[in-house]
Amino acid sequence: MTDHLRETDFRTWVSEHRTRLRTTAFLLCGDWYLADDLVQDALGRLYSKWGRVVASGDPRAYVRRILCNLHTDYRRRPARREVSEADVATLDAHPHATMEERDDDVIAALLTVPAGQRTVLVLRFFEDLSVEQTAALLRTSRGNVKSQTSRGLDALRSALRTRPTKNVRPTRIEGES
């Protein structure tokens, strides 16, 4: 594959998948700016191996794995533990909330779920991967994926039931009306 064809093929693929990748990254980290950084880094790594990845199969699976790894690396950095109080907001959900407000509640609640469990929930229910696909992507056992899914769903249900008064401000997912 010539460099020009490789670049054209890559650009086409990115234009078709960038929004979905960005939303996946946001659901993993809860911050649109960090999501943009994670996607940009993932796409840079994907581009460097584009020929091999395309020849071996689905580039989305490869870039999903990169996103999960980059997010895990980011969470482990000591500087990331500092949180700005300006980013904390009050969540005023009520039982008769509109669908948009309920989506915001779910996103806000998802961001309270421990990161490992949130990663599994995003891959299973947003990316619509099976237990086996999620286990392969995260290089873990099927049992661990099932356990993390169960615990993550319990944490999500609990967060939705209690509706904390302080939480990360939810943001609309790009592409939704």
Foldseek 3Di string as FASTA:
>chain_A
DDPVVLVVVLVVVCVVCVLLQLLLLCLLAVDSVVSVVLLVVLSVVCSVCVVVCVVVDDVVLVSLLSSLVVSVVLVPDPVNVDDDPVQKAFQDDDPPDDPVSVVQQLSQLLNVFPNVLSNLCCCCPVVVDDLVSSCVSPVHDSVVSVVSPVSSVVSSVVCSVVVDGMTGGGDDRPPDD
